[in-house]
PDB file of N, CA and C in Angstrom:
ATOM      1  N   MET A   1      14.444 -20.284 -26.631  1.00  0.00           N
ATOM      2  CA  MET A   1      13.855 -20.192 -25.322  1.00  0.00           C
ATOM      3  C   MET A   1      14.288 -21.368 -24.450  1.00  0.00           C
ATOM      4  N   ALA A   2      14.367 -22.549 -25.047  1.00  0.00           N
ATOM      5  CA  ALA A   2      14.772 -23.723 -24.271  1.00  0.00           C
ATOM      6  C   ALA A   2      16.187 -23.553 -23.736  1.00  0.00           C
ATOM      7  N   THR A   3      17.068 -23.015 -24.575  1.00  0.00           N
ATOM      8  CA  THR A   3      18.445 -22.788 -24.154  1.00  0.00           C
ATOM      9  C   THR A   3      18.499 -21.782 -23.016  1.00  0.00           C
ATOM     10  N   LEU A   4      17.720 -20.715 -23.143  1.00  0.00           N
ATOM     11  CA  LEU A   4      17.671 -19.708 -22.085  1.00  0.00           C
ATOM     12  C   LEU A   4      17.139 -20.308 -20.796  1.00  0.00           C
ATOM     13  N   SER A   5      16.094 -21.132 -20.904  1.00  0.00           N
ATOM     14  CA  SER A   5      15.533 -21.790 -19.720  1.00  0.00           C
ATOM     15  C   SER A   5      16.553 -22.704 -19.053  1.00  0.00           C
ATOM     16  N   ASP A   6      17.344 -23.380 -19.858  1.00  0.00           N
ATOM     17  CA  ASP A   6      18.369 -24.258 -19.297  1.00  0.00           C
ATOM     18  C   ASP A   6      19.469 -23.453 -18.610  1.00  0.00           C
ATOM     19  N   ALA A   7      19.799 -22.309 -19.169  1.00  0.00           N
ATOM     20  CA  ALA A   7      20.886 -21.499 -18.628  1.00  0.00           C
ATOM     21  C   ALA A   7      20.473 -20.712 -17.385  1.00  0.00           C
ATOM     22  N   VAL A   8      19.222 -20.272 -17.345  1.00  0.00           N
ATOM     23  CA  VAL A   8      18.741 -19.456 -16.231  1.00  0.00           C
ATOM     24  C   VAL A   8      17.450 -20.086 -15.717  1.00  0.00           C
ATOM     25  N   ASN A   9      17.559 -20.820 -14.601  1.00  0.00           N
ATOM     26  CA  ASN A   9      16.379 -21.505 -14.081  1.00  0.00           C
ATOM     27  C   ASN A   9      15.520 -20.547 -13.235  1.00  0.00           C
ATOM     28  N   LEU A  10      14.392 -21.036 -12.759  1.00  0.00           N
ATOM     29  CA  LEU A  10      13.456 -20.211 -12.005  1.00  0.00           C
ATOM     30  C   LEU A  10      14.098 -19.630 -10.749  1.00  0.00           C
ATOM     31  N   ASP A  11      14.899 -20.420 -10.054  1.00  0.00           N
ATOM     32  CA  ASP A  11      15.569 -19.901  -8.853  1.00  0.00           C
ATOM     33  C   ASP A  11      16.492 -18.737  -9.200  1.00  0.00           C
ATOM     34  N   ASP A  12      17.205 -18.855 -10.333  1.00  0.00           N
ATOM     35  CA  ASP A  12      18.070 -17.759 -10.781  1.00  0.00           C
ATOM     36  C   ASP A  12      17.254 -16.498 -11.042  1.00  0.00           C
ATOM     37  N   TRP A  13      16.111 -16.659 -11.760  1.00  0.00           N
ATOM     38  CA  TRP A  13      15.276 -15.494 -12.073  1.00  0.00           C
ATOM     39  C   TRP A  13      14.712 -14.866 -10.801  1.00  0.00           C
ATOM     40  N   GLN A  14      14.350 -15.689  -9.827  1.00  0.00           N
ATOM     41  CA  GLN A  14      13.855 -15.138  -8.567  1.00  0.00           C
ATOM     42  C   GLN A  14      14.944 -14.344  -7.860  1.00  0.00           C
ATOM     43  N   GLU A  15      16.166 -14.842  -7.911  1.00  0.00           N
ATOM     44  CA  GLU A  15      17.290 -14.127  -7.311  1.00  0.00           C
ATOM     45  C   GLU A  15      17.553 -12.812  -8.049  1.00  0.00           C
ATOM     46  N   ILE A  16      17.504 -12.859  -9.370  1.00  0.00           N
ATOM     47  CA  ILE A  16      17.720 -11.653 -10.183  1.00  0.00           C
ATOM     48  C   ILE A  16      16.641 -10.616  -9.903  1.00  0.00           C
ATOM     49  N   ALA A  17      15.383 -11.061  -9.893  1.00  0.00           N
ATOM     50  CA  ALA A  17      14.281 -10.134  -9.625  1.00  0.00           C
ATOM     51  C   ALA A  17      14.382  -9.565  -8.213  1.00  0.00           C
ATOM     52  N   GLY A  18      14.745 -10.408  -7.241  1.00  0.00           N
ATOM     53  CA  GLY A  18      14.915  -9.930  -5.867  1.00  0.00           C
ATOM     54  C   GLY A  18      15.993  -8.871  -5.769  1.00  0.00           C
ATOM     55  N   ARG A  19      17.080  -9.082  -6.475  1.00  0.00           N
ATOM     56  CA  ARG A  19      18.173  -8.092  -6.481  1.00  0.00           C
ATOM     57  C   ARG A  19      17.708  -6.795  -7.129  1.00  0.00           C
ATOM     58  N   ALA A  20      16.925  -6.905  -8.205  1.00  0.00           N
ATOM     59  CA  ALA A  20      16.400  -5.709  -8.870  1.00  0.00           C
ATOM     60  C   ALA A  20      15.506  -4.924  -7.919  1.00  0.00           C
ATOM     61  N   VAL A  21      14.695  -5.632  -7.138  1.00  0.00           N
ATOM     62  CA  VAL A  21      13.828  -4.957  -6.162  1.00  0.00           C
ATOM     63  C   VAL A  21      14.681  -4.234  -5.127  1.00  0.00           C
ATOM     64  N   GLN A  22      15.689  -4.914  -4.605  1.00  0.00           N
ATOM     65  CA  GLN A  22      16.579  -4.286  -3.617  1.00  0.00           C
ATOM     66  C   GLN A  22      17.240  -3.039  -4.205  1.00  0.00           C
ATOM     67  N   ASP A  23      17.767  -3.158  -5.409  1.00  0.00           N
ATOM     68  CA  ASP A  23      18.438  -2.030  -6.054  1.00  0.00           C
ATOM     69  C   ASP A  23      17.469  -0.884  -6.314  1.00  0.00           C
ATOM     70  N   ALA A  24      16.253  -1.213  -6.755  1.00  0.00           N
ATOM     71  CA  ALA A  24      15.250  -0.176  -7.015  1.00  0.00           C
ATOM     72  C   ALA A  24      14.914   0.576  -5.732  1.00  0.00           C
ATOM     73  N   LYS A  25      14.809  -0.134  -4.639  1.00  0.00           N
ATOM     74  CA  LYS A  25      14.483   0.493  -3.353  1.00  0.00           C
ATOM     75  C   LYS A  25      15.575   1.441  -2.879  1.00  0.00           C
ATOM     76  N   THR A  26      16.809   1.187  -3.301  1.00  0.00           N
ATOM     77  CA  THR A  26      17.918   2.058  -2.890  1.00  0.00           C
ATOM     78  C   THR A  26      18.198   3.158  -3.912  1.00  0.00           C
ATOM     79  N   GLY A  27      17.301   3.292  -4.900  1.00  0.00           N
ATOM     80  CA  GLY A  27      17.419   4.414  -5.826  1.00  0.00           C
ATOM     81  C   GLY A  27      17.982   4.113  -7.197  1.00  0.00           C
ATOM     82  N   ASP A  28      18.205   2.863  -7.529  1.00  0.00           N
ATOM     83  CA  ASP A  28      18.745   2.509  -8.838  1.00  0.00           C
ATOM     84  C   ASP A  28      17.668   2.678  -9.910  1.00  0.00           C
ATOM     85  N   ALA A  29      17.820   3.712 -10.741  1.00  0.00           N
ATOM     86  CA  ALA A  29      16.817   4.025 -11.767  1.00  0.00           C
ATOM     87  C   ALA A  29      16.712   2.921 -12.815  1.00  0.00           C
ATOM     88  N   THR A  30      17.813   2.283 -13.153  1.00  0.00           N
ATOM     89  CA  THR A  30      17.791   1.209 -14.142  1.00  0.00           C
ATOM     90  C   THR A  30      16.989   0.017 -13.612  1.00  0.00           C
ATOM     91  N   ALA A  31      17.174  -0.309 -12.349  1.00  0.00           N
ATOM     92  CA  ALA A  31      16.417  -1.413 -11.745  1.00  0.00           C
ATOM     93  C   ALA A  31      14.933  -1.074 -11.707  1.00  0.00           C
ATOM     94  N   ARG A  32      14.600   0.172 -11.363  1.00  0.00           N
ATOM     95  CA  ARG A  32      13.187   0.584 -11.350  1.00  0.00           C
ATOM     96  C   ARG A  32      12.586   0.466 -12.744  1.00  0.00           C
ATOM     97  N   ALA A  33      13.307   0.918 -13.749  1.00  0.00           N
ATOM     98  CA  ALA A  33      12.807   0.861 -15.125  1.00  0.00           C
ATOM     99  C   ALA A  33      12.615  -0.591 -15.563  1.00  0.00           C
ATOM    100  N   TRP A  34      13.553  -1.457 -15.241  1.00  0.00           N
ATOM    101  CA  TRP A  34      13.461  -2.870 -15.619  1.00  0.00           C
ATOM    102  C   TRP A  34      12.257  -3.511 -14.959  1.00  0.00           C
ATOM    103  N   LEU A  35      12.087  -3.273 -13.666  1.00  0.00           N
ATOM    104  CA  LEU A  35      10.940  -3.831 -12.956  1.00  0.00           C
ATOM    105  C   LEU A  35       9.635  -3.288 -13.517  1.00  0.00           C
ATOM    106  N   SER A  36       9.590  -1.996 -13.777  1.00  0.00           N
ATOM    107  CA  SER A  36       8.370  -1.392 -14.315  1.00  0.00           C
ATOM    108  C   SER A  36       7.987  -2.013 -15.645  1.00  0.00           C
ATOM    109  N   LYS A  37       8.980  -2.245 -16.472  1.00  0.00           N
ATOM    110  CA  LYS A  37       8.716  -2.804 -17.805  1.00  0.00           C
ATOM    111  C   LYS A  37       8.082  -4.188 -17.717  1.00  0.00           C
ATOM    112  N   TYR A  38       8.528  -4.999 -16.772  1.00  0.00           N
ATOM    113  CA  TYR A  38       8.064  -6.375 -16.719  1.00  0.00           C
ATOM    114  C   TYR A  38       6.985  -6.654 -15.674  1.00  0.00           C
ATOM    115  N   VAL A  39       6.790  -5.732 -14.737  1.00  0.00           N
ATOM    116  CA  VAL A  39       5.856  -5.998 -13.650  1.00  0.00           C
ATOM    117  C   VAL A  39       4.578  -5.182 -13.764  1.00  0.00           C
ATOM    118  N   LEU A  40       4.695  -3.930 -14.139  1.00  0.00           N
ATOM    119  CA  LEU A  40       3.533  -3.049 -14.169  1.00  0.00           C
ATOM    120  C   LEU A  40       2.771  -3.168 -15.480  1.00  0.00           C
ATOM    121  N   PRO A  41       1.467  -3.003 -15.429  1.00  0.00           N
ATOM    122  CA  PRO A  41       0.677  -2.972 -16.665  1.00  0.00           C
ATOM    123  C   PRO A  41       1.097  -1.774 -17.522  1.00  0.00           C
ATOM    124  N   GLU A  42       0.805  -1.859 -18.809  1.00  0.00           N
ATOM    125  CA  GLU A  42       1.209  -0.810 -19.739  1.00  0.00           C
ATOM    126  C   GLU A  42       0.375   0.455 -19.615  1.00  0.00           C
ATOM    127  N   THR A  43      -0.806   0.359 -19.045  1.00  0.00           N
ATOM    128  CA  THR A  43      -1.676   1.522 -18.971  1.00  0.00           C
ATOM    129  C   THR A  43      -2.008   1.865 -17.527  1.00  0.00           C
ATOM    130  N   ALA A  44      -2.334   3.132 -17.299  1.00  0.00           N
ATOM    131  CA  ALA A  44      -2.733   3.555 -15.956  1.00  0.00           C
ATOM    132  C   ALA A  44      -3.991   2.817 -15.521  1.00  0.00           C
ATOM    133  N   GLY A  45      -4.885   2.537 -16.461  1.00  0.00           N
ATOM    134  CA  GLY A  45      -6.082   1.779 -16.144  1.00  0.00           C
ATOM    135  C   GLY A  45      -5.737   0.409 -15.596  1.00  0.00           C
ATOM    136  N   GLY A  46      -4.674  -0.174 -16.127  1.00  0.00           N
ATOM    137  CA  GLY A  46      -4.222  -1.469 -15.627  1.00  0.00           C
ATOM    138  C   GLY A  46      -3.781  -1.396 -14.178  1.00  0.00           C
ATOM    139  N   LEU A  47      -3.132  -0.292 -13.808  1.00  0.00           N
ATOM    140  CA  LEU A  47      -2.740  -0.110 -12.411  1.00  0.00           C
ATOM    141  C   LEU A  47      -3.962  -0.040 -11.515  1.00  0.00           C
ATOM    142  N   LEU A  48      -4.969   0.666 -11.974  1.00  0.00           N
ATOM    143  CA  LEU A  48      -6.207   0.773 -11.203  1.00  0.00           C
ATOM    144  C   LEU A  48      -6.847  -0.605 -11.050  1.00  0.00           C
ATOM    145  N   GLU A  49      -6.855  -1.373 -12.122  1.00  0.00           N
ATOM    146  CA  GLU A  49      -7.414  -2.725 -12.057  1.00  0.00           C
ATOM    147  C   GLU A  49      -6.675  -3.580 -11.039  1.00  0.00           C
ATOM    148  N   LEU A  50      -5.352  -3.480 -11.000  1.00  0.00           N
ATOM    149  CA  LEU A  50      -4.577  -4.255 -10.034  1.00  0.00           C
ATOM    150  C   LEU A  50      -4.873  -3.809  -8.609  1.00  0.00           C
ATOM    151  N   ALA A  51      -5.016  -2.506  -8.407  1.00  0.00           N
ATOM    152  CA  ALA A  51      -5.330  -1.997  -7.070  1.00  0.00           C
ATOM    153  C   ALA A  51      -6.696  -2.474  -6.610  1.00  0.00           C
ATOM    154  N   VAL A  52      -7.667  -2.431  -7.500  1.00  0.00           N
ATOM    155  CA  VAL A  52      -9.012  -2.898  -7.155  1.00  0.00           C
ATOM    156  C   VAL A  52      -8.979  -4.394  -6.854  1.00  0.00           C
ATOM    157  N   ALA A  53      -8.250  -5.155  -7.668  1.00  0.00           N
ATOM    158  CA  ALA A  53      -8.155  -6.596  -7.457  1.00  0.00           C
ATOM    159  C   ALA A  53      -7.495  -6.904  -6.115  1.00  0.00           C
ATOM    160  N   ALA A  54      -6.450  -6.166  -5.766  1.00  0.00           N
ATOM    161  CA  ALA A  54      -5.776  -6.386  -4.485  1.00  0.00           C
ATOM    162  C   ALA A  54      -6.724  -6.076  -3.334  1.00  0.00           C
ATOM    163  N   HIS A  55      -7.502  -5.017  -3.478  1.00  0.00           N
ATOM    164  CA  HIS A  55      -8.461  -4.649  -2.436  1.00  0.00           C
ATOM    165  C   HIS A  55      -9.553  -5.704  -2.305  1.00  0.00           C
ATOM    166  N   ALA A  56      -9.885  -6.371  -3.394  1.00  0.00           N
ATOM    167  CA  ALA A  56     -10.926  -7.403  -3.388  1.00  0.00           C
ATOM    168  C   ALA A  56     -10.358  -8.766  -2.975  1.00  0.00           C
ATOM    169  N   ASP A  57      -9.114  -8.776  -2.513  1.00  0.00           N
ATOM    170  CA  ASP A  57      -8.454 -10.003  -2.046  1.00  0.00           C
ATOM    171  C   ASP A  57      -8.293 -11.061  -3.120  1.00  0.00           C
ATOM    172  N   ARG A  58      -8.101 -10.617  -4.371  1.00  0.00           N
ATOM    173  CA  ARG A  58      -7.780 -11.577  -5.433  1.00  0.00           C
ATOM    174  C   ARG A  58      -6.309 -11.930  -5.313  1.00  0.00           C
ATOM    175  N   SER A  59      -5.975 -13.169  -5.613  1.00  0.00           N
ATOM    176  CA  SER A  59      -4.585 -13.604  -5.502  1.00  0.00           C
ATOM    177  C   SER A  59      -3.727 -12.919  -6.573  1.00  0.00           C
ATOM    178  N   VAL A  60      -2.433 -12.912  -6.328  1.00  0.00           N
ATOM    179  CA  VAL A  60      -1.501 -12.351  -7.305  1.00  0.00           C
ATOM    180  C   VAL A  60      -1.605 -13.112  -8.620  1.00  0.00           C
ATOM    181  N   ASP A  61      -1.746 -14.427  -8.542  1.00  0.00           N
ATOM    182  CA  ASP A  61      -1.874 -15.223  -9.766  1.00  0.00           C
ATOM    183  C   ASP A  61      -3.111 -14.811 -10.557  1.00  0.00           C
ATOM    184  N   ASP A  62      -4.221 -14.573  -9.859  1.00  0.00           N
ATOM    185  CA  ASP A  62      -5.441 -14.131 -10.532  1.00  0.00           C
ATOM    186  C   ASP A  62      -5.235 -12.761 -11.175  1.00  0.00           C
ATOM    187  N   GLN A  63      -4.534 -11.877 -10.481  1.00  0.00           N
ATOM    188  CA  GLN A  63      -4.273 -10.548 -11.018  1.00  0.00           C
ATOM    189  C   GLN A  63      -3.402 -10.631 -12.263  1.00  0.00           C
ATOM    190  N   ILE A  64      -2.367 -11.435 -12.207  1.00  0.00           N
ATOM    191  CA  ILE A  64      -1.470 -11.587 -13.360  1.00  0.00           C
ATOM    192  C   ILE A  64      -2.227 -12.180 -14.541  1.00  0.00           C
ATOM    193  N   ALA A  65      -3.066 -13.171 -14.286  1.00  0.00           N
ATOM    194  CA  ALA A  65      -3.855 -13.786 -15.356  1.00  0.00           C
ATOM    195  C   ALA A  65      -4.795 -12.766 -15.985  1.00  0.00           C
ATOM    196  N   ALA A  66      -5.393 -11.916 -15.173  1.00  0.00           N
ATOM    197  CA  ALA A  66      -6.311 -10.900 -15.696  1.00  0.00           C
ATOM    198  C   ALA A  66      -5.565  -9.891 -16.564  1.00  0.00           C
ATOM    199  N   VAL A  67      -4.388  -9.479 -16.127  1.00  0.00           N
ATOM    200  CA  VAL A  67      -3.597  -8.530 -16.917  1.00  0.00           C
ATOM    201  C   VAL A  67      -3.157  -9.182 -18.226  1.00  0.00           C
ATOM    202  N   ALA A  68      -2.725 -10.430 -18.164  1.00  0.00           N
ATOM    203  CA  ALA A  68      -2.306 -11.139 -19.378  1.00  0.00           C
ATOM    204  C   ALA A  68      -3.463 -11.258 -20.358  1.00  0.00           C
ATOM    205  N   LYS A  69      -4.640 -11.555 -19.857  1.00  0.00           N
ATOM    206  CA  LYS A  69      -5.822 -11.665 -20.719  1.00  0.00           C
ATOM    207  C   LYS A  69      -6.139 -10.327 -21.363  1.00  0.00           C
ATOM    208  N   SER A  70      -6.033  -9.268 -20.588  1.00  0.00           N
ATOM    209  CA  SER A  70      -6.293  -7.926 -21.109  1.00  0.00           C
ATOM    210  C   SER A  70      -5.293  -7.564 -22.200  1.00  0.00           C
ATOM    211  N   ARG A  71      -4.021  -7.857 -21.961  1.00  0.00           N
ATOM    212  CA  ARG A  71      -2.990  -7.552 -22.958  1.00  0.00           C
ATOM    213  C   ARG A  71      -3.203  -8.354 -24.233  1.00  0.00           C
ATOM    214  N   GLU A  72      -3.628  -9.603 -24.093  1.00  0.00           N
ATOM    215  CA  GLU A  72      -3.889 -10.435 -25.268  1.00  0.00           C
ATOM    216  C   GLU A  72      -5.030  -9.837 -26.082  1.00  0.00           C
ATOM    217  N   GLY A  73      -6.072  -9.364 -25.395  1.00  0.00           N
ATOM    218  CA  GLY A  73      -7.187  -8.717 -26.089  1.00  0.00           C
ATOM    219  C   GLY A  73      -6.729  -7.473 -26.828  1.00  0.00           C
ATOM    220  N   GLU A  74      -5.869  -6.678 -26.176  1.00  0.00           N
ATOM    221  CA  GLU A  74      -5.340  -5.476 -26.827  1.00  0.00           C
ATOM    222  C   GLU A  74      -4.520  -5.849 -28.059  1.00  0.00           C
ATOM    223  N   ARG A  75      -3.708  -6.899 -27.942  1.00  0.00           N
ATOM    224  CA  ARG A  75      -2.879  -7.330 -29.073  1.00  0.00           C
ATOM    225  C   ARG A  75      -3.757  -7.751 -30.246  1.00  0.00           C
ATOM    226  N   ARG A  76      -4.821  -8.488 -29.958  1.00  0.00           N
ATOM    227  CA  ARG A  76      -5.726  -8.927 -31.024  1.00  0.00           C
ATOM    228  C   ARG A  76      -6.418  -7.741 -31.688  1.00  0.00           C
ATOM    229  N   ARG A  77      -6.821  -6.758 -30.896  1.00  0.00           N
ATOM    230  CA  ARG A  77      -7.457  -5.559 -31.472  1.00  0.00           C
ATOM    231  C   ARG A  77      -6.484  -4.826 -32.383  1.00  0.00           C
ATOM    232  N   HIS A  78      -5.230  -4.727 -31.964  1.00  0.00           N
ATOM    233  CA  HIS A  78      -4.219  -4.060 -32.793  1.00  0.00           C
ATOM    234  C   HIS A  78      -4.009  -4.818 -34.096  1.00  0.00           C
ATOM    235  N   GLU A  79      -3.986  -6.139 -34.020  1.00  0.00           N
ATOM    236  CA  GLU A  79      -3.822  -6.946 -35.232  1.00  0.00           C
ATOM    237  C   GLU A  79      -4.986  -6.738 -36.192  1.00  0.00           C
ATOM    238  N   LYS A  80      -6.206  -6.720 -35.662  1.00  0.00           N
ATOM    239  CA  LYS A  80      -7.386  -6.512 -36.502  1.00  0.00           C
ATOM    240  C   LYS A  80      -7.342  -5.139 -37.158  1.00  0.00           C
ATOM    241  N   MET A  81      -6.944  -4.124 -36.395  1.00  0.00           N
ATOM    242  CA  MET A  81      -6.857  -2.779 -36.969  1.00  0.00           C
ATOM    243  C   MET A  81      -5.807  -2.746 -38.074  1.00  0.00           C
ATOM    244  N   ALA A  82      -4.690  -3.407 -37.874  1.00  0.00           N
ATOM    245  CA  ALA A  82      -3.630  -3.448 -38.898  1.00  0.00           C
ATOM    246  C   ALA A  82      -4.154  -4.144 -40.154  1.00  0.00           C
ATOM    247  N   GLN A  83      -4.912  -5.217 -39.991  1.00  0.00           N
ATOM    248  CA  GLN A  83      -5.474  -5.914 -41.131  1.00  0.00           C
ATOM    249  C   GLN A  83      -6.466  -5.028 -41.896  1.00  0.00           C
ATOM    250  N   LEU A  84      -7.266  -4.275 -41.142  1.00  0.00           N
ATOM    251  CA  LEU A  84      -8.216  -3.360 -41.789  1.00  0.00           C
ATOM    252  C   LEU A  84      -7.485  -2.299 -42.597  1.00  0.00           C
ATOM    253  N   PHE A  85      -6.435  -1.732 -42.010  1.00  0.00           N
ATOM    254  CA  PHE A  85      -5.674  -0.712 -42.726  1.00  0.00           C
ATOM    255  C   PHE A  85      -4.980  -1.298 -43.954  1.00  0.00           C
ATOM    256  N   ASP A  86      -4.479  -2.519 -43.829  1.00  0.00           N
ATOM    257  CA  ASP A  86      -3.832  -3.166 -44.978  1.00  0.00           C
ATOM    258  C   ASP A  86      -4.816  -3.403 -46.108  1.00  0.00           C
ATOM    259  N   ALA A  87      -6.074  -3.700 -45.730  1.00  0.00           N
ATOM    260  CA  ALA A  87      -7.102  -3.965 -46.735  1.00  0.00           C
ATOM    261  C   ALA A  87      -7.489  -2.695 -47.485  1.00  0.00           C
ATOM    262  N   LEU A  88      -7.283  -1.546 -46.872  1.00  0.00           N
ATOM    263  CA  LEU A  88      -7.627  -0.270 -47.521  1.00  0.00           C
ATOM    264  C   LEU A  88      -6.588  -0.003 -48.562  1.00  0.00           C
TER     265      LEU A  88
END
């Protein structure tokens, strides 16, 4: 990760993401898929949560933090379920 961070700094990633947005807007399906994978929540409920948060004037940072927290909770639940199944 450190090597990747050194090779591609934040300004580079912002430029890459900006280009992906431009390409997606002009119909590039690969750019849309890439953006969807990294920007949108994994569930439709997550999209609803983001829409409600935006309507409630929560900042983008707050929205991202809420989605990250939700995903972490989901990951922990999946791990617990896997442990239960392994114990059987």
